[in-house]
Structures are given as structure tokens and as C-alpha cells.
């Protein structure tokens, strides 16, 4: 599971590196057994990188809750 998380982390950060402009914002929303915000929306990519670095694979997947949280945010 760690290899999959590492691959997903690398893909997400690579995408953000290529696509984000200085005026854009990004955040990190996690979803294991519940959804939570790991990094608020920001235009500081280093804050987003630090949030991705702390992610771990564990428990279930509350994907629906994550979608609702993201849409409500």
C-alpha cells in the first residue's frame, strides 16, 4: 500500500507543479475512515508539499465523505 501512496503523492505533486499558476490555490483533503483537511487552500506549494509528506495509508476509505467535504469547502 505504501508504494501506491508514494505513486499517488508523486503524481499529485507533479500535476500541481505543472499546472498551478501563482494566483491559484490548492489544498489537501484526506479520507480514511473520515474526511479531514490536511492543508487549507493556499497558493504556497510548500505548505501543500508538507501536507502530502505527512499522509499515511490506513483504515477504510470515506471517499463519499471526502467529496461532500470538498464540495462544501
C-alpha atoms as a PDB file:
ATOM      1  CA  UNK A   1       0.000   0.000   0.000  1.00  0.00           C
ATOM      2  CA  UNK A   2       2.922   2.347   0.681  1.00  0.00           C
ATOM      3  CA  UNK A   3       4.137   2.093  -2.921  1.00  0.00           C
ATOM      4  CA  UNK A   4       0.677   3.071  -4.178  1.00  0.00           C
ATOM      5  CA  UNK A   5       0.549   6.044  -1.818  1.00  0.00           C
ATOM      6  CA  UNK A   6       4.029   7.145  -2.881  1.00  0.00           C
ATOM      7  CA  UNK A   7       2.985   6.935  -6.538  1.00  0.00           C
ATOM      8  CA  UNK A   8      -0.213   8.902  -5.896  1.00  0.00           C
ATOM      9  CA  UNK A   9       1.697  11.536  -3.905  1.00  0.00           C
ATOM     10  CA  UNK A  10       4.263  11.920  -6.698  1.00  0.00           C
ATOM     11  CA  UNK A  11       1.569  12.169  -9.362  1.00  0.00           C
ATOM     12  CA  UNK A  12      -0.392  14.790  -7.409  1.00  0.00           C
ATOM     13  CA  UNK A  13       2.663  16.940  -6.703  1.00  0.00           C
ATOM     14  CA  UNK A  14       3.881  16.625 -10.292  1.00  0.00           C
ATOM     15  CA  UNK A  15       0.454  17.720 -11.512  1.00  0.00           C
ATOM     16  CA  UNK A  16       0.439  20.722  -9.176  1.00  0.00           C
ATOM     17  CA  UNK A  17       3.994  21.688 -10.186  1.00  0.00           C
ATOM     18  CA  UNK A  18       2.943  21.757 -13.846  1.00  0.00           C
ATOM     19  CA  UNK A  19      -0.498  23.309 -13.578  1.00  0.00           C
ATOM     20  CA  UNK A  20      -0.566  25.821 -10.693  1.00  0.00           C
ATOM     21  CA  UNK A  21      -0.078  29.477 -11.504  1.00  0.00           C
ATOM     22  CA  UNK A  22       0.953  31.974  -8.780  1.00  0.00           C
ATOM     23  CA  UNK A  23      -2.648  33.145  -8.319  1.00  0.00           C
ATOM     24  CA  UNK A  24      -4.035  29.578  -7.989  1.00  0.00           C
ATOM     25  CA  UNK A  25      -4.647  27.810  -4.691  1.00  0.00           C
ATOM     26  CA  UNK A  26      -4.510  24.152  -3.727  1.00  0.00           C
ATOM     27  CA  UNK A  27      -5.236  22.183  -0.576  1.00  0.00           C
ATOM     28  CA  UNK A  28      -5.078  18.620   0.670  1.00  0.00           C
ATOM     29  CA  UNK A  29      -8.142  16.686   1.775  1.00  0.00           C
ATOM     30  CA  UNK A  30      -7.624  13.244   3.287  1.00  0.00           C
ATOM     31  CA  UNK A  31     -10.148  10.436   3.556  1.00  0.00           C
ATOM     32  CA  UNK A  32      -9.552   7.307   5.567  1.00  0.00           C
ATOM     33  CA  UNK A  33     -12.413   6.427   7.900  1.00  0.00           C
ATOM     34  CA  UNK A  34     -13.455  10.106   7.757  1.00  0.00           C
ATOM     35  CA  UNK A  35     -12.649  13.141   5.633  1.00  0.00           C
ATOM     36  CA  UNK A  36     -10.409  15.887   7.010  1.00  0.00           C
ATOM     37  CA  UNK A  37      -8.482  18.886   5.708  1.00  0.00           C
ATOM     38  CA  UNK A  38      -4.702  18.302   5.858  1.00  0.00           C
ATOM     39  CA  UNK A  39      -3.881  21.666   4.234  1.00  0.00           C
ATOM     40  CA  UNK A  40      -6.182  24.631   3.808  1.00  0.00           C
ATOM     41  CA  UNK A  41      -6.435  26.235   0.376  1.00  0.00           C
ATOM     42  CA  UNK A  42      -3.226  28.172  -0.244  1.00  0.00           C
ATOM     43  CA  UNK A  43      -1.023  29.426  -3.059  1.00  0.00           C
ATOM     44  CA  UNK A  44       2.049  28.255  -1.078  1.00  0.00           C
ATOM     45  CA  UNK A  45       3.003  24.986  -2.753  1.00  0.00           C
ATOM     46  CA  UNK A  46       5.458  24.166   0.048  1.00  0.00           C
ATOM     47  CA  UNK A  47       2.543  24.006   2.520  1.00  0.00           C
ATOM     48  CA  UNK A  48       0.812  21.541   0.208  1.00  0.00           C
ATOM     49  CA  UNK A  49       4.035  19.500  -0.138  1.00  0.00           C
ATOM     50  CA  UNK A  50       4.369  19.256   3.656  1.00  0.00           C
ATOM     51  CA  UNK A  51       0.752  18.071   3.947  1.00  0.00           C
ATOM     52  CA  UNK A  52       1.331  15.375   1.317  1.00  0.00           C
ATOM     53  CA  UNK A  53       4.510  14.280   3.132  1.00  0.00           C
ATOM     54  CA  UNK A  54       2.504  13.505   6.290  1.00  0.00           C
ATOM     55  CA  UNK A  55      -0.063  11.254   4.600  1.00  0.00           C
ATOM     56  CA  UNK A  56      -0.270   7.601   5.579  1.00  0.00           C
ATOM     57  CA  UNK A  57      -2.374   4.758   4.225  1.00  0.00           C
ATOM     58  CA  UNK A  58      -4.684   3.385   6.914  1.00  0.00           C
ATOM     59  CA  UNK A  59      -8.183   2.175   7.754  1.00  0.00           C
ATOM     60  CA  UNK A  60     -11.115   2.386   5.334  1.00  0.00           C
ATOM     61  CA  UNK A  61     -11.916   4.856   2.597  1.00  0.00           C
ATOM     62  CA  UNK A  62     -14.523   7.551   3.204  1.00  0.00           C
ATOM     63  CA  UNK A  63     -14.499   8.693  -0.415  1.00  0.00           C
ATOM     64  CA  UNK A  64     -18.111   9.946  -0.454  1.00  0.00           C
ATOM     65  CA  UNK A  65     -17.487  11.982   2.693  1.00  0.00           C
ATOM     66  CA  UNK A  66     -14.380  13.455   1.084  1.00  0.00           C
ATOM     67  CA  UNK A  67     -16.336  14.538  -1.989  1.00  0.00           C
ATOM     68  CA  UNK A  68     -19.029  16.172   0.183  1.00  0.00           C
ATOM     69  CA  UNK A  69     -16.356  17.929   2.275  1.00  0.00           C
ATOM     70  CA  UNK A  70     -14.543  19.171  -0.823  1.00  0.00           C
ATOM     71  CA  UNK A  71     -17.725  20.494  -2.432  1.00  0.00           C
ATOM     72  CA  UNK A  72     -18.782  22.183   0.821  1.00  0.00           C
ATOM     73  CA  UNK A  73     -15.362  23.699   1.428  1.00  0.00           C
END
